[in-house]
Amino acid sequence: GSLRRRAQLLHQRSDLQMLEVRGNVETRLKKLDAGEYDALCLAEAGMVRLELLEHRAFLMLQPPKVFPAVGQGALGIECRTEDSETAALLAGLSDPSTQAATTAERSLLRHLRAGCHAPIGSLSQTAGDQLTLEAVVLSADGQERICASVSGAFAEAAEIGVRVAKALLADGAGRLISETEDS
C-alpha cells in the first residue's frame, strides 16, 4: 500500500501492524479468507468493478480521517499540440470544476516540493464557482499530522494550492516530507 494510506491509518490506529500484501484483488481476498491477514485496505473501484462489495463487510475510508492522493479520481486526455481538430473535440469533455480541483492539488504538491510517494492527501470540493482545497501531510509513522484548508474562486485554483502549501509548510510539513524522502 501507499505510504499516504499507511500513515493516515496509523494516525487513527497506532496499534495496527501494517504488512504488504502481494497479488491481484482476488488473490489478496483469498489470503484474507485463509486467515493470513485480519483486514485488507483495497480500492473501492476494484471492489465495485469485481462486484465484491455486496459479499464483504467493509468500511469506507473517507476524509477527514483518510484523504485521497493528489489528483485521485481525475482523468486526463492528451493529444498532439499541433492537432487542433482533436484538441477542439476534447475541449468539450473538459469539466471546469475538475480542472480547478486538479490545478489546485497539483499546485499544492509542486509548492510542497514533494514527490508522488510522500504521505500527502488532498481533497478539493466545489460549490458553484467556489473551490475548497483541504490537505494533510503526515509523518511516515502517522504520529504527526498537519492539516490546512483554503477556499476561493475557480480562477484562483493555482493560488489556492500555493496558499494551502504555505500554511502546511509554516506548520512544519517540510520537515515531515524531507524525513519520509530520506528514509
N, C-alpha and C. Protein backbone atom coordinates (compact mmCIF):
# COMPACT_ATOMS: atom_id res chain seq x y z
N GLY A 1 0.82 -1.19 0.00
CA GLY A 1 0.00 0.00 0.00
C GLY A 1 0.85 1.25 0.00
N SER A 2 0.20 2.37 -0.20
CA SER A 2 0.94 3.64 -0.27
C SER A 2 1.31 4.13 1.13
N LEU A 3 2.39 4.88 1.19
CA LEU A 3 2.81 5.50 2.44
C LEU A 3 1.73 6.46 2.93
N ARG A 4 1.04 7.11 2.01
CA ARG A 4 -0.04 8.04 2.37
C ARG A 4 -1.15 7.31 3.13
N ARG A 5 -1.63 6.19 2.59
CA ARG A 5 -2.69 5.43 3.28
C ARG A 5 -2.18 4.87 4.60
N ARG A 6 -0.99 4.30 4.57
CA ARG A 6 -0.40 3.70 5.77
C ARG A 6 -0.30 4.74 6.89
N ALA A 7 0.25 5.91 6.59
CA ALA A 7 0.44 6.95 7.62
C ALA A 7 -0.91 7.42 8.17
N GLN A 8 -1.90 7.58 7.29
CA GLN A 8 -3.21 8.04 7.75
C GLN A 8 -3.91 6.99 8.62
N LEU A 9 -3.78 5.73 8.27
CA LEU A 9 -4.37 4.67 9.09
C LEU A 9 -3.66 4.57 10.44
N LEU A 10 -2.33 4.67 10.42
CA LEU A 10 -1.58 4.63 11.67
C LEU A 10 -1.89 5.84 12.56
N HIS A 11 -2.21 6.96 11.95
CA HIS A 11 -2.60 8.13 12.74
C HIS A 11 -3.88 7.84 13.52
N GLN A 12 -4.80 7.11 12.90
CA GLN A 12 -6.06 6.76 13.55
C GLN A 12 -5.90 5.63 14.56
N ARG A 13 -5.04 4.66 14.18
CA ARG A 13 -4.86 3.45 15.00
C ARG A 13 -3.39 3.07 15.04
N SER A 14 -2.65 3.61 16.00
CA SER A 14 -1.21 3.36 16.08
C SER A 14 -0.89 1.92 16.45
N ASP A 15 -1.89 1.16 16.88
CA ASP A 15 -1.69 -0.24 17.26
C ASP A 15 -1.71 -1.19 16.06
N LEU A 16 -2.04 -0.69 14.88
CA LEU A 16 -2.11 -1.56 13.71
C LEU A 16 -0.73 -2.03 13.29
N GLN A 17 -0.66 -3.28 12.85
CA GLN A 17 0.56 -3.80 12.26
C GLN A 17 0.30 -3.86 10.76
N MET A 18 1.01 -3.04 10.01
CA MET A 18 0.78 -2.92 8.57
C MET A 18 1.76 -3.82 7.82
N LEU A 19 1.22 -4.67 6.94
CA LEU A 19 2.04 -5.58 6.15
C LEU A 19 1.71 -5.42 4.68
N GLU A 20 2.70 -5.66 3.83
CA GLU A 20 2.47 -5.64 2.38
C GLU A 20 1.76 -6.92 1.97
N VAL A 21 0.81 -6.81 1.07
CA VAL A 21 0.10 -7.97 0.53
C VAL A 21 0.27 -7.93 -0.98
N ARG A 22 0.79 -8.98 -1.55
CA ARG A 22 1.02 -9.04 -3.00
C ARG A 22 -0.13 -9.77 -3.69
N GLY A 23 -0.29 -9.47 -4.97
CA GLY A 23 -1.28 -10.17 -5.78
C GLY A 23 -2.44 -9.27 -6.18
N ASN A 24 -3.28 -9.78 -7.09
CA ASN A 24 -4.45 -9.02 -7.51
C ASN A 24 -5.51 -9.06 -6.40
N VAL A 25 -6.63 -8.41 -6.61
CA VAL A 25 -7.67 -8.31 -5.58
C VAL A 25 -8.13 -9.69 -5.13
N GLU A 26 -8.41 -10.56 -6.08
CA GLU A 26 -8.91 -11.89 -5.72
C GLU A 26 -7.89 -12.69 -4.92
N THR A 27 -6.61 -12.60 -5.29
CA THR A 27 -5.55 -13.28 -4.54
C THR A 27 -5.46 -12.73 -3.12
N ARG A 28 -5.55 -11.43 -2.99
CA ARG A 28 -5.49 -10.80 -1.68
C ARG A 28 -6.67 -11.24 -0.81
N LEU A 29 -7.85 -11.31 -1.41
CA LEU A 29 -9.03 -11.74 -0.65
C LEU A 29 -8.91 -13.21 -0.22
N LYS A 30 -8.31 -14.04 -1.06
CA LYS A 30 -8.09 -15.44 -0.67
C LYS A 30 -7.17 -15.52 0.54
N LYS A 31 -6.14 -14.68 0.57
CA LYS A 31 -5.22 -14.64 1.71
C LYS A 31 -5.96 -14.18 2.97
N LEU A 32 -6.86 -13.23 2.82
CA LEU A 32 -7.67 -12.77 3.95
C LEU A 32 -8.56 -13.91 4.45
N ASP A 33 -9.24 -14.58 3.52
CA ASP A 33 -10.13 -15.69 3.88
C ASP A 33 -9.38 -16.84 4.53
N ALA A 34 -8.12 -17.02 4.15
CA ALA A 34 -7.30 -18.11 4.71
C ALA A 34 -6.74 -17.75 6.10
N GLY A 35 -7.01 -16.53 6.54
CA GLY A 35 -6.55 -16.13 7.87
C GLY A 35 -5.14 -15.58 7.92
N GLU A 36 -4.54 -15.31 6.75
CA GLU A 36 -3.19 -14.76 6.74
C GLU A 36 -3.18 -13.30 7.21
N TYR A 37 -4.31 -12.62 7.10
CA TYR A 37 -4.45 -11.22 7.49
C TYR A 37 -5.78 -11.03 8.20
N ASP A 38 -5.85 -10.02 9.04
CA ASP A 38 -7.10 -9.69 9.73
C ASP A 38 -7.98 -8.78 8.90
N ALA A 39 -7.36 -7.96 8.06
CA ALA A 39 -8.10 -7.00 7.24
C ALA A 39 -7.23 -6.59 6.06
N LEU A 40 -7.86 -6.03 5.04
CA LEU A 40 -7.16 -5.52 3.87
C LEU A 40 -7.63 -4.09 3.60
N CYS A 41 -6.76 -3.30 3.02
CA CYS A 41 -7.12 -1.97 2.55
C CYS A 41 -7.08 -2.03 1.03
N LEU A 42 -8.26 -1.98 0.40
CA LEU A 42 -8.38 -2.12 -1.05
C LEU A 42 -9.13 -0.93 -1.63
N ALA A 43 -8.85 -0.63 -2.88
CA ALA A 43 -9.54 0.46 -3.56
C ALA A 43 -11.00 0.08 -3.82
N GLU A 44 -11.88 1.01 -3.54
CA GLU A 44 -13.31 0.78 -3.77
C GLU A 44 -13.58 0.48 -5.25
N ALA A 45 -12.90 1.17 -6.15
CA ALA A 45 -13.14 0.99 -7.58
C ALA A 45 -12.95 -0.46 -8.00
N GLY A 46 -11.91 -1.10 -7.51
CA GLY A 46 -11.67 -2.51 -7.84
C GLY A 46 -12.73 -3.42 -7.27
N MET A 47 -13.16 -3.14 -6.05
CA MET A 47 -14.20 -3.96 -5.42
C MET A 47 -15.53 -3.81 -6.16
N VAL A 48 -15.85 -2.60 -6.59
CA VAL A 48 -17.09 -2.37 -7.35
C VAL A 48 -17.01 -3.07 -8.70
N ARG A 49 -15.88 -2.89 -9.39
CA ARG A 49 -15.72 -3.49 -10.72
C ARG A 49 -15.87 -5.00 -10.67
N LEU A 50 -15.35 -5.62 -9.62
CA LEU A 50 -15.42 -7.07 -9.48
C LEU A 50 -16.69 -7.54 -8.77
N GLU A 51 -17.58 -6.58 -8.46
CA GLU A 51 -18.85 -6.86 -7.79
C GLU A 51 -18.66 -7.63 -6.48
N LEU A 52 -17.71 -7.15 -5.67
CA LEU A 52 -17.37 -7.83 -4.42
C LEU A 52 -17.88 -7.12 -3.17
N LEU A 53 -18.36 -5.90 -3.30
CA LEU A 53 -18.78 -5.15 -2.11
C LEU A 53 -19.97 -5.78 -1.40
N GLU A 54 -20.89 -6.35 -2.15
CA GLU A 54 -22.09 -6.90 -1.51
C GLU A 54 -21.82 -8.18 -0.74
N HIS A 55 -20.67 -8.79 -0.94
CA HIS A 55 -20.34 -10.06 -0.29
C HIS A 55 -19.36 -9.92 0.87
N ARG A 56 -19.00 -8.70 1.20
CA ARG A 56 -17.95 -8.47 2.19
C ARG A 56 -18.37 -7.40 3.19
N ALA A 57 -17.89 -7.55 4.41
CA ALA A 57 -18.01 -6.46 5.38
C ALA A 57 -16.91 -5.47 5.05
N PHE A 58 -17.24 -4.19 5.05
CA PHE A 58 -16.23 -3.20 4.69
C PHE A 58 -16.50 -1.88 5.38
N LEU A 59 -15.49 -1.06 5.42
CA LEU A 59 -15.57 0.29 5.97
C LEU A 59 -14.99 1.22 4.92
N MET A 60 -15.74 2.23 4.55
CA MET A 60 -15.24 3.22 3.59
C MET A 60 -14.35 4.21 4.35
N LEU A 61 -13.13 4.37 3.89
CA LEU A 61 -12.17 5.30 4.49
C LEU A 61 -12.27 6.63 3.74
N GLN A 62 -12.80 7.64 4.40
CA GLN A 62 -13.07 8.91 3.75
C GLN A 62 -12.55 10.08 4.58
N PRO A 63 -12.37 11.24 3.92
CA PRO A 63 -12.00 12.43 4.67
C PRO A 63 -13.07 12.74 5.72
N PRO A 64 -12.72 13.27 6.84
CA PRO A 64 -11.42 13.84 7.18
C PRO A 64 -10.43 12.84 7.77
N LYS A 65 -10.82 11.57 7.92
CA LYS A 65 -9.88 10.60 8.51
C LYS A 65 -8.82 10.14 7.51
N VAL A 66 -9.22 9.84 6.29
CA VAL A 66 -8.28 9.38 5.26
C VAL A 66 -8.55 10.17 3.98
N PHE A 67 -7.53 10.90 3.53
CA PHE A 67 -7.65 11.71 2.32
C PHE A 67 -7.06 10.97 1.12
N PRO A 68 -7.64 11.17 -0.06
CA PRO A 68 -7.08 10.55 -1.27
C PRO A 68 -5.77 11.23 -1.70
N ALA A 69 -5.12 10.63 -2.68
CA ALA A 69 -3.90 11.19 -3.24
C ALA A 69 -4.23 12.43 -4.08
N VAL A 70 -3.24 13.26 -4.29
CA VAL A 70 -3.39 14.43 -5.14
C VAL A 70 -3.86 13.99 -6.53
N GLY A 71 -4.94 14.59 -7.00
CA GLY A 71 -5.45 14.30 -8.33
C GLY A 71 -6.19 12.98 -8.48
N GLN A 72 -6.35 12.24 -7.40
CA GLN A 72 -7.01 10.93 -7.50
C GLN A 72 -8.45 11.12 -7.98
N GLY A 73 -8.84 10.31 -8.95
CA GLY A 73 -10.19 10.36 -9.48
C GLY A 73 -10.33 11.22 -10.72
N ALA A 74 -9.34 12.04 -11.03
CA ALA A 74 -9.39 12.88 -12.22
C ALA A 74 -8.76 12.14 -13.39
N LEU A 75 -9.36 12.25 -14.54
CA LEU A 75 -8.82 11.64 -15.75
C LEU A 75 -8.33 12.73 -16.69
N GLY A 76 -7.28 12.43 -17.42
CA GLY A 76 -6.75 13.38 -18.39
C GLY A 76 -6.59 12.72 -19.74
N ILE A 77 -6.79 13.49 -20.78
CA ILE A 77 -6.59 13.01 -22.14
C ILE A 77 -5.60 13.95 -22.81
N GLU A 78 -4.59 13.39 -23.44
CA GLU A 78 -3.59 14.20 -24.13
C GLU A 78 -3.71 14.01 -25.63
N CYS A 79 -3.33 15.04 -26.36
CA CYS A 79 -3.21 14.93 -27.81
C CYS A 79 -2.02 15.77 -28.25
N ARG A 80 -1.65 15.63 -29.49
CA ARG A 80 -0.53 16.39 -30.03
C ARG A 80 -0.87 17.88 -30.02
N THR A 81 0.09 18.71 -29.68
CA THR A 81 -0.11 20.15 -29.59
C THR A 81 -0.63 20.73 -30.91
N GLU A 82 -0.08 20.25 -32.00
CA GLU A 82 -0.45 20.80 -33.31
C GLU A 82 -1.77 20.25 -33.86
N ASP A 83 -2.40 19.30 -33.17
CA ASP A 83 -3.64 18.67 -33.64
C ASP A 83 -4.84 19.45 -33.12
N SER A 84 -5.11 20.60 -33.74
CA SER A 84 -6.17 21.49 -33.27
C SER A 84 -7.56 20.87 -33.40
N GLU A 85 -7.77 20.02 -34.39
CA GLU A 85 -9.08 19.37 -34.57
C GLU A 85 -9.39 18.45 -33.39
N THR A 86 -8.43 17.62 -33.00
CA THR A 86 -8.64 16.73 -31.85
C THR A 86 -8.75 17.54 -30.57
N ALA A 87 -7.93 18.57 -30.43
CA ALA A 87 -7.99 19.42 -29.23
C ALA A 87 -9.37 20.06 -29.10
N ALA A 88 -9.95 20.49 -30.21
CA ALA A 88 -11.29 21.10 -30.18
C ALA A 88 -12.34 20.07 -29.75
N LEU A 89 -12.22 18.85 -30.24
CA LEU A 89 -13.15 17.79 -29.84
C LEU A 89 -13.03 17.48 -28.34
N LEU A 90 -11.80 17.43 -27.86
CA LEU A 90 -11.56 17.10 -26.45
C LEU A 90 -11.98 18.23 -25.51
N ALA A 91 -11.94 19.47 -25.99
CA ALA A 91 -12.30 20.62 -25.15
C ALA A 91 -13.72 20.48 -24.60
N GLY A 92 -14.60 19.86 -25.37
CA GLY A 92 -15.97 19.66 -24.93
C GLY A 92 -16.10 18.68 -23.77
N LEU A 93 -15.06 17.89 -23.53
CA LEU A 93 -15.08 16.92 -22.43
C LEU A 93 -14.58 17.52 -21.12
N SER A 94 -13.96 18.67 -21.20
CA SER A 94 -13.37 19.28 -20.01
C SER A 94 -14.46 19.72 -19.04
N ASP A 95 -14.22 19.47 -17.75
CA ASP A 95 -15.15 19.87 -16.69
C ASP A 95 -14.47 20.95 -15.87
N PRO A 96 -15.03 22.16 -15.83
CA PRO A 96 -14.37 23.27 -15.12
C PRO A 96 -14.08 22.98 -13.65
N SER A 97 -14.98 22.32 -12.95
CA SER A 97 -14.73 22.06 -11.53
C SER A 97 -13.60 21.06 -11.34
N THR A 98 -13.53 20.03 -12.20
CA THR A 98 -12.44 19.06 -12.12
C THR A 98 -11.12 19.73 -12.49
N GLN A 99 -11.15 20.58 -13.50
CA GLN A 99 -9.94 21.31 -13.91
C GLN A 99 -9.43 22.19 -12.77
N ALA A 100 -10.33 22.90 -12.11
CA ALA A 100 -9.92 23.75 -10.99
C ALA A 100 -9.37 22.91 -9.84
N ALA A 101 -10.03 21.79 -9.55
CA ALA A 101 -9.59 20.92 -8.45
C ALA A 101 -8.20 20.37 -8.71
N THR A 102 -7.97 19.84 -9.91
CA THR A 102 -6.66 19.26 -10.19
C THR A 102 -5.58 20.34 -10.28
N THR A 103 -5.93 21.51 -10.77
CA THR A 103 -4.97 22.62 -10.80
C THR A 103 -4.53 22.99 -9.39
N ALA A 104 -5.49 23.10 -8.47
CA ALA A 104 -5.17 23.45 -7.08
C ALA A 104 -4.32 22.36 -6.43
N GLU A 105 -4.71 21.10 -6.62
CA GLU A 105 -3.99 20.00 -5.97
C GLU A 105 -2.58 19.84 -6.52
N ARG A 106 -2.41 19.99 -7.82
CA ARG A 106 -1.07 19.88 -8.40
C ARG A 106 -0.20 21.06 -7.98
N SER A 107 -0.80 22.24 -7.86
CA SER A 107 -0.06 23.41 -7.38
C SER A 107 0.40 23.18 -5.94
N LEU A 108 -0.47 22.60 -5.13
CA LEU A 108 -0.12 22.24 -3.75
C LEU A 108 1.11 21.35 -3.73
N LEU A 109 1.08 20.26 -4.48
CA LEU A 109 2.17 19.29 -4.49
C LEU A 109 3.47 19.93 -4.98
N ARG A 110 3.37 20.73 -6.04
CA ARG A 110 4.55 21.40 -6.60
C ARG A 110 5.18 22.34 -5.56
N HIS A 111 4.37 23.10 -4.85
CA HIS A 111 4.90 24.06 -3.88
C HIS A 111 5.35 23.41 -2.58
N LEU A 112 4.89 22.20 -2.32
CA LEU A 112 5.43 21.45 -1.18
C LEU A 112 6.76 20.79 -1.55
N ARG A 113 7.06 20.78 -2.87
CA ARG A 113 8.27 20.13 -3.39
C ARG A 113 8.34 18.68 -2.94
N ALA A 114 7.20 18.02 -3.09
CA ALA A 114 7.09 16.62 -2.67
C ALA A 114 6.84 15.73 -3.87
N GLY A 115 7.33 14.52 -3.79
CA GLY A 115 7.06 13.54 -4.83
C GLY A 115 5.70 12.89 -4.64
N CYS A 116 5.33 12.06 -5.57
CA CYS A 116 4.01 11.42 -5.52
C CYS A 116 3.93 10.34 -4.45
N HIS A 117 5.06 9.97 -3.84
CA HIS A 117 5.04 8.93 -2.81
C HIS A 117 5.02 9.49 -1.40
N ALA A 118 5.10 10.80 -1.26
CA ALA A 118 5.09 11.42 0.07
C ALA A 118 3.73 11.22 0.72
N PRO A 119 3.69 11.17 2.06
CA PRO A 119 2.42 10.96 2.76
C PRO A 119 1.58 12.24 2.80
N ILE A 120 1.05 12.59 1.63
CA ILE A 120 0.24 13.80 1.46
C ILE A 120 -1.11 13.39 0.90
N GLY A 121 -2.17 13.87 1.51
CA GLY A 121 -3.51 13.63 1.00
C GLY A 121 -4.17 14.96 0.72
N SER A 122 -5.08 14.97 -0.25
CA SER A 122 -5.79 16.22 -0.54
C SER A 122 -7.18 15.91 -1.06
N LEU A 123 -8.05 16.88 -0.86
CA LEU A 123 -9.42 16.77 -1.37
C LEU A 123 -9.89 18.15 -1.75
N SER A 124 -10.33 18.29 -2.99
CA SER A 124 -10.93 19.53 -3.46
C SER A 124 -12.42 19.32 -3.59
N GLN A 125 -13.18 20.28 -3.10
CA GLN A 125 -14.63 20.24 -3.22
C GLN A 125 -15.09 21.54 -3.84
N THR A 126 -16.12 21.46 -4.68
CA THR A 126 -16.61 22.64 -5.36
C THR A 126 -18.08 22.87 -5.05
N ALA A 127 -18.45 24.13 -5.05
CA ALA A 127 -19.85 24.55 -4.91
C ALA A 127 -19.99 25.82 -5.74
N GLY A 128 -20.80 25.74 -6.79
CA GLY A 128 -20.89 26.88 -7.70
C GLY A 128 -19.54 27.09 -8.35
N ASP A 129 -19.02 28.31 -8.28
CA ASP A 129 -17.69 28.58 -8.84
C ASP A 129 -16.64 28.69 -7.74
N GLN A 130 -16.94 28.14 -6.57
CA GLN A 130 -16.02 28.17 -5.44
C GLN A 130 -15.36 26.81 -5.24
N LEU A 131 -14.11 26.85 -4.84
CA LEU A 131 -13.30 25.65 -4.62
C LEU A 131 -12.73 25.70 -3.22
N THR A 132 -12.81 24.56 -2.51
CA THR A 132 -12.15 24.43 -1.22
C THR A 132 -11.16 23.29 -1.33
N LEU A 133 -9.91 23.56 -0.99
CA LEU A 133 -8.85 22.55 -1.00
C LEU A 133 -8.45 22.27 0.44
N GLU A 134 -8.57 21.01 0.85
CA GLU A 134 -8.09 20.55 2.15
C GLU A 134 -6.92 19.63 1.88
N ALA A 135 -5.91 19.69 2.73
CA ALA A 135 -4.76 18.81 2.55
C ALA A 135 -4.17 18.42 3.90
N VAL A 136 -3.52 17.26 3.91
CA VAL A 136 -2.83 16.76 5.10
C VAL A 136 -1.45 16.28 4.70
N VAL A 137 -0.50 16.46 5.60
CA VAL A 137 0.84 15.90 5.47
C VAL A 137 1.11 15.17 6.78
N LEU A 138 1.61 13.94 6.66
CA LEU A 138 1.84 13.13 7.85
C LEU A 138 3.27 12.64 7.92
N SER A 139 3.68 12.29 9.14
CA SER A 139 4.95 11.57 9.30
C SER A 139 4.70 10.14 8.85
N ALA A 140 5.75 9.43 8.50
CA ALA A 140 5.62 8.06 7.99
C ALA A 140 4.94 7.14 9.00
N ASP A 141 5.16 7.40 10.29
CA ASP A 141 4.55 6.55 11.32
C ASP A 141 3.16 7.02 11.74
N GLY A 142 2.68 8.10 11.14
CA GLY A 142 1.35 8.60 11.43
C GLY A 142 1.23 9.37 12.73
N GLN A 143 2.32 9.52 13.47
CA GLN A 143 2.25 10.20 14.76
C GLN A 143 2.00 11.70 14.62
N GLU A 144 2.51 12.29 13.53
CA GLU A 144 2.31 13.72 13.30
C GLU A 144 1.43 13.92 12.08
N ARG A 145 0.50 14.86 12.19
CA ARG A 145 -0.44 15.14 11.10
C ARG A 145 -0.68 16.64 11.07
N ILE A 146 -0.44 17.24 9.92
CA ILE A 146 -0.63 18.68 9.74
C ILE A 146 -1.71 18.88 8.68
N CYS A 147 -2.68 19.74 8.97
CA CYS A 147 -3.80 19.97 8.06
C CYS A 147 -3.91 21.45 7.71
N ALA A 148 -4.44 21.72 6.53
CA ALA A 148 -4.73 23.10 6.12
C ALA A 148 -5.86 23.08 5.10
N SER A 149 -6.58 24.19 5.02
CA SER A 149 -7.70 24.32 4.09
C SER A 149 -7.82 25.77 3.65
N VAL A 150 -8.09 25.97 2.36
CA VAL A 150 -8.29 27.31 1.81
C VAL A 150 -9.40 27.24 0.78
N SER A 151 -10.23 28.27 0.72
CA SER A 151 -11.30 28.37 -0.28
C SER A 151 -11.10 29.59 -1.15
N GLY A 152 -11.66 29.53 -2.35
CA GLY A 152 -11.60 30.66 -3.27
C GLY A 152 -12.30 30.32 -4.57
N ALA A 153 -12.22 31.23 -5.51
CA ALA A 153 -12.86 31.05 -6.82
C ALA A 153 -12.04 30.12 -7.70
N PHE A 154 -12.73 29.44 -8.64
CA PHE A 154 -12.05 28.56 -9.60
C PHE A 154 -10.86 29.25 -10.25
N ALA A 155 -11.04 30.53 -10.59
CA ALA A 155 -9.99 31.28 -11.28
C ALA A 155 -8.72 31.39 -10.45
N GLU A 156 -8.83 31.17 -9.13
CA GLU A 156 -7.68 31.26 -8.23
C GLU A 156 -7.15 29.88 -7.86
N ALA A 157 -7.48 28.85 -8.61
CA ALA A 157 -7.15 27.47 -8.24
C ALA A 157 -5.66 27.28 -7.93
N ALA A 158 -4.79 27.74 -8.80
CA ALA A 158 -3.35 27.56 -8.58
C ALA A 158 -2.91 28.28 -7.31
N GLU A 159 -3.42 29.49 -7.09
CA GLU A 159 -3.07 30.26 -5.89
C GLU A 159 -3.62 29.59 -4.63
N ILE A 160 -4.77 28.95 -4.72
CA ILE A 160 -5.33 28.21 -3.57
C ILE A 160 -4.36 27.10 -3.17
N GLY A 161 -3.83 26.39 -4.15
CA GLY A 161 -2.85 25.35 -3.87
C GLY A 161 -1.60 25.90 -3.20
N VAL A 162 -1.14 27.05 -3.66
CA VAL A 162 0.04 27.70 -3.07
C VAL A 162 -0.26 28.10 -1.62
N ARG A 163 -1.43 28.65 -1.37
CA ARG A 163 -1.78 29.10 -0.02
C ARG A 163 -1.89 27.92 0.95
N VAL A 164 -2.44 26.81 0.49
CA VAL A 164 -2.51 25.62 1.36
C VAL A 164 -1.10 25.11 1.63
N ALA A 165 -0.26 25.06 0.59
CA ALA A 165 1.12 24.61 0.77
C ALA A 165 1.86 25.49 1.77
N LYS A 166 1.71 26.80 1.65
CA LYS A 166 2.39 27.73 2.57
C LYS A 166 1.92 27.51 4.01
N ALA A 167 0.63 27.28 4.19
CA ALA A 167 0.10 27.04 5.55
C ALA A 167 0.68 25.75 6.12
N LEU A 168 0.74 24.71 5.30
CA LEU A 168 1.30 23.43 5.75
C LEU A 168 2.78 23.58 6.09
N LEU A 169 3.52 24.26 5.21
CA LEU A 169 4.95 24.45 5.44
C LEU A 169 5.21 25.28 6.70
N ALA A 170 4.37 26.28 6.95
CA ALA A 170 4.52 27.11 8.15
C ALA A 170 4.33 26.28 9.42
N ASP A 171 3.56 25.20 9.31
CA ASP A 171 3.31 24.34 10.47
C ASP A 171 4.25 23.14 10.55
N GLY A 172 5.27 23.07 9.66
CA GLY A 172 6.28 22.02 9.76
C GLY A 172 6.19 20.90 8.75
N ALA A 173 5.38 21.04 7.72
CA ALA A 173 5.23 19.97 6.73
C ALA A 173 6.52 19.68 5.97
N GLY A 174 7.35 20.68 5.77
CA GLY A 174 8.61 20.47 5.05
C GLY A 174 9.48 19.43 5.74
N ARG A 175 9.54 19.49 7.05
CA ARG A 175 10.33 18.52 7.82
C ARG A 175 9.75 17.11 7.65
N LEU A 176 8.44 16.97 7.73
CA LEU A 176 7.83 15.65 7.59
C LEU A 176 8.09 15.07 6.20
N ILE A 177 7.98 15.92 5.18
CA ILE A 177 8.22 15.47 3.81
C ILE A 177 9.67 15.04 3.63
N SER A 178 10.61 15.85 4.11
CA SER A 178 12.03 15.50 3.94
C SER A 178 12.38 14.25 4.73
N GLU A 179 11.78 14.05 5.89
CA GLU A 179 12.05 12.83 6.67
C GLU A 179 11.59 11.58 5.93
N THR A 180 10.44 11.65 5.25
CA THR A 180 9.96 10.47 4.53
C THR A 180 10.77 10.23 3.26
N GLU A 181 11.25 11.31 2.64
CA GLU A 181 12.05 11.14 1.42
C GLU A 181 13.45 10.64 1.74
N ASP A 182 13.95 10.94 2.95
CA ASP A 182 15.28 10.48 3.35
C ASP A 182 15.28 9.03 3.80
N SER A 183 14.12 8.52 4.19
CA SER A 183 14.06 7.14 4.71
C SER A 183 13.89 6.11 3.62
